[in-house]
Amino acid sequence: MDVGRLKELCQRLDQLAAILEIMECDPINADLHREASNALSQALSEIERLRSDDQRRETSNALRDALAEIKRLQANADLHHKTSQALRDALGEIERLRSDAYQHRETSNALQSALAEIERLRSDAADLHQNTQFDRGLSNLAPASIATDWSMKFLERKQALIGKNVRDRKSEAE
């Protein structure tokens, strides 16, 4: 339905009623044209009102749909925000654990080095302990008598061996 044409028709009916009054024709025809124009105008107003109600309804439906979509998107945005926050927290925890692992590795290496040093020092201490026990055994004897006895025995043994070697050579030479 073309509303513009109906409005034009209303204007023409009003104009005809005015012309009929000016011409002083039958007042009933003029009133009929005016009543037809008024009835048509009221019908057009009702059509426009109903159309605007339909538009309001459509607008209302569109707004309801838009609000539902907004709520859905907000729920998704909240979910994405929570997921994003959880991921950020997880990444922070991973970095903290990596840092802890690096520190534990450094501590482990330092402990291994310390254990190796302790073993080396224990070995050195054991060597020193053995040397000290040997020295203690010698220190129980009187220093002068040890040296004298030992050197006398050494010289006697040396002379005996040299004498034997000299006699063996003489007998071989003969």
Protein backbone atom coordinates (compact mmCIF):
# COMPACT_ATOMS: atom_id res chain seq x y z
CA MET A 1 0.00 0.00 0.00
CA ASP A 2 1.30 3.41 -1.08
CA VAL A 3 0.69 5.88 1.78
CA GLY A 4 1.85 8.85 -0.32
CA ARG A 5 -0.96 8.33 -2.86
CA LEU A 6 -3.55 8.09 -0.09
CA LYS A 7 -2.33 11.39 1.38
CA GLU A 8 -2.62 12.99 -2.04
CA LEU A 9 -6.17 11.66 -2.29
CA CYS A 10 -7.03 13.24 1.06
CA GLN A 11 -5.70 16.59 -0.14
CA ARG A 12 -7.73 16.38 -3.36
CA LEU A 13 -10.91 15.55 -1.43
CA ASP A 14 -10.32 18.56 0.82
CA GLN A 15 -9.70 20.74 -2.24
CA LEU A 16 -12.88 19.48 -3.91
CA ALA A 17 -14.88 20.22 -0.76
CA ALA A 18 -13.44 23.76 -0.71
CA ILE A 19 -14.23 24.27 -4.41
CA LEU A 20 -17.79 23.01 -3.91
CA GLU A 21 -18.27 25.49 -1.05
CA ILE A 22 -16.87 28.34 -3.14
CA MET A 23 -19.19 27.44 -6.00
CA GLU A 24 -22.02 27.28 -3.53
CA CYS A 25 -23.03 23.89 -4.72
CA ASP A 26 -24.82 21.29 -2.77
CA PRO A 27 -23.41 21.47 0.80
CA ILE A 28 -24.01 17.71 1.22
CA ASN A 29 -21.47 16.88 -1.50
CA ALA A 30 -18.90 19.17 0.14
CA ASP A 31 -19.54 17.55 3.53
CA LEU A 32 -19.26 14.07 1.99
CA HIS A 33 -15.89 14.98 0.46
CA ARG A 34 -14.71 16.37 3.80
CA GLU A 35 -15.93 13.31 5.72
CA ALA A 36 -14.28 11.00 3.20
CA SER A 37 -11.05 13.00 3.54
CA ASN A 38 -11.27 12.88 7.37
CA ALA A 39 -12.04 9.14 7.38
CA LEU A 40 -9.17 8.48 4.99
CA SER A 41 -6.82 10.65 7.14
CA GLN A 42 -7.86 8.74 10.26
CA ALA A 43 -7.32 5.44 8.49
CA LEU A 44 -3.85 6.60 7.40
CA SER A 45 -3.06 7.69 10.96
CA GLU A 46 -4.16 4.29 12.26
CA ILE A 47 -2.07 2.53 9.62
CA GLU A 48 0.96 4.63 10.57
CA ARG A 49 0.34 3.97 14.25
CA LEU A 50 0.04 0.25 13.63
CA ARG A 51 3.12 0.33 11.47
CA SER A 52 5.00 2.21 14.17
CA ASP A 53 3.76 -0.38 16.68
CA ASP A 54 5.10 -3.07 14.35
CA GLN A 55 8.31 -1.11 14.07
CA ARG A 56 8.41 -0.75 17.82
CA ARG A 57 7.79 -4.46 18.15
CA GLU A 58 10.49 -5.17 15.61
CA THR A 59 12.75 -2.68 17.32
CA SER A 60 11.92 -4.23 20.68
CA ASN A 61 12.64 -7.70 19.32
CA ALA A 62 15.87 -6.47 17.74
CA LEU A 63 16.86 -4.83 21.03
CA ARG A 64 16.03 -8.01 22.97
CA ASP A 65 18.13 -10.03 20.51
CA ALA A 66 20.93 -7.49 20.76
CA LEU A 67 20.84 -7.62 24.57
CA ALA A 68 20.92 -11.42 24.50
CA GLU A 69 23.93 -11.29 22.16
CA ILE A 70 25.63 -8.72 24.39
CA LYS A 71 25.09 -10.97 27.43
CA ARG A 72 26.46 -13.96 25.50
CA LEU A 73 29.49 -11.94 24.43
CA GLN A 74 30.00 -10.69 27.98
CA ALA A 75 29.87 -14.25 29.25
CA ASN A 76 32.41 -15.23 26.60
CA ALA A 77 34.52 -12.19 27.44
CA ASP A 78 34.39 -13.12 31.15
CA LEU A 79 35.35 -16.68 30.29
CA HIS A 80 38.19 -15.44 28.06
CA HIS A 81 39.30 -13.04 30.79
CA LYS A 82 39.32 -15.84 33.38
CA THR A 83 41.14 -18.13 30.96
CA SER A 84 43.64 -15.39 30.16
CA GLN A 85 44.24 -14.76 33.86
CA ALA A 86 44.67 -18.49 34.50
CA LEU A 87 47.17 -18.70 31.62
CA ARG A 88 49.09 -15.69 32.99
CA ASP A 89 49.20 -17.33 36.42
CA ALA A 90 50.37 -20.63 34.88
CA LEU A 91 53.13 -18.85 32.94
CA GLY A 92 54.26 -17.11 36.12
CA GLU A 93 54.38 -20.44 37.95
CA ILE A 94 56.37 -22.01 35.09
CA GLU A 95 58.89 -19.17 35.25
CA ARG A 96 59.14 -19.53 39.04
CA LEU A 97 59.73 -23.27 38.71
CA ARG A 98 62.34 -22.72 36.01
CA SER A 99 64.13 -20.28 38.28
CA ASP A 100 63.93 -22.74 41.18
CA ALA A 101 65.27 -25.53 38.96
CA TYR A 102 68.20 -23.33 37.89
CA GLN A 103 68.94 -22.48 41.54
CA HIS A 104 68.69 -26.17 42.51
CA ARG A 105 71.08 -27.06 39.69
CA GLU A 106 73.57 -24.43 40.90
CA THR A 107 73.20 -25.65 44.48
CA SER A 108 73.71 -29.25 43.36
CA ASN A 109 76.87 -28.31 41.46
CA ALA A 110 78.18 -26.39 44.48
CA LEU A 111 77.44 -29.36 46.76
CA GLN A 112 79.24 -31.76 44.42
CA SER A 113 82.26 -29.46 44.37
CA ALA A 114 82.15 -29.22 48.17
CA LEU A 115 81.94 -33.03 48.50
CA ALA A 116 84.92 -33.47 46.18
CA GLU A 117 86.89 -30.94 48.26
CA ILE A 118 85.90 -32.74 51.47
CA GLU A 119 87.10 -36.08 50.05
CA ARG A 120 90.38 -34.47 48.98
CA LEU A 121 90.87 -32.97 52.44
CA ARG A 122 90.05 -36.33 54.10
CA SER A 123 92.66 -38.03 51.92
CA ASP A 124 95.22 -35.36 52.80
CA ALA A 125 94.33 -35.72 56.48
CA ALA A 126 94.75 -39.51 56.30
CA ASP A 127 98.16 -39.09 54.66
CA LEU A 128 99.20 -36.61 57.33
CA HIS A 129 97.95 -38.97 60.05
CA GLN A 130 100.06 -41.85 58.69
CA ASN A 131 103.14 -39.64 58.43
CA THR A 132 102.57 -38.35 61.96
CA GLN A 133 102.29 -41.90 63.36
CA PHE A 134 105.59 -42.82 61.66
CA ASP A 135 107.23 -39.74 63.10
CA ARG A 136 105.81 -40.50 66.54
CA GLY A 137 107.34 -43.96 66.44
CA LEU A 138 110.73 -42.44 65.77
CA SER A 139 110.25 -39.74 68.31
CA ASN A 140 109.80 -42.32 71.12
CA LEU A 141 113.43 -43.27 70.73
CA ALA A 142 116.20 -41.08 71.95
CA PRO A 143 117.37 -39.08 68.92
CA ALA A 144 121.08 -39.41 69.52
CA SER A 145 121.04 -43.11 70.21
CA ILE A 146 118.87 -43.80 67.14
CA ALA A 147 121.21 -41.97 64.85
CA THR A 148 124.33 -43.52 66.37
CA ASP A 149 122.98 -47.07 66.42
CA TRP A 150 121.57 -46.83 62.97
CA SER A 151 124.67 -45.33 61.40
CA MET A 152 126.93 -47.86 63.14
CA LYS A 153 124.85 -50.75 61.89
CA PHE A 154 124.76 -49.21 58.41
CA LEU A 155 128.53 -48.80 58.28
CA GLU A 156 129.18 -52.33 59.57
CA ARG A 157 126.87 -53.76 57.00
CA LYS A 158 128.43 -51.67 54.28
CA GLN A 159 131.93 -52.74 55.21
CA ALA A 160 130.87 -56.34 55.34
CA LEU A 161 129.36 -56.11 51.90
CA ILE A 162 132.31 -54.23 50.46
CA GLY A 163 134.76 -56.67 52.01
CA LYS A 164 132.82 -59.59 50.64
CA ASN A 165 132.70 -57.97 47.20
CA VAL A 166 136.44 -57.34 47.29
CA ARG A 167 137.20 -60.95 48.31
CA ASP A 168 134.81 -62.25 45.61
CA ARG A 169 136.63 -60.18 43.00
CA LYS A 170 140.04 -61.38 44.14
CA SER A 171 138.94 -64.98 44.00
CA GLU A 172 137.50 -64.45 40.56
CA ALA A 173 140.69 -62.84 39.40
CA GLU A 174 142.76 -65.80 40.49
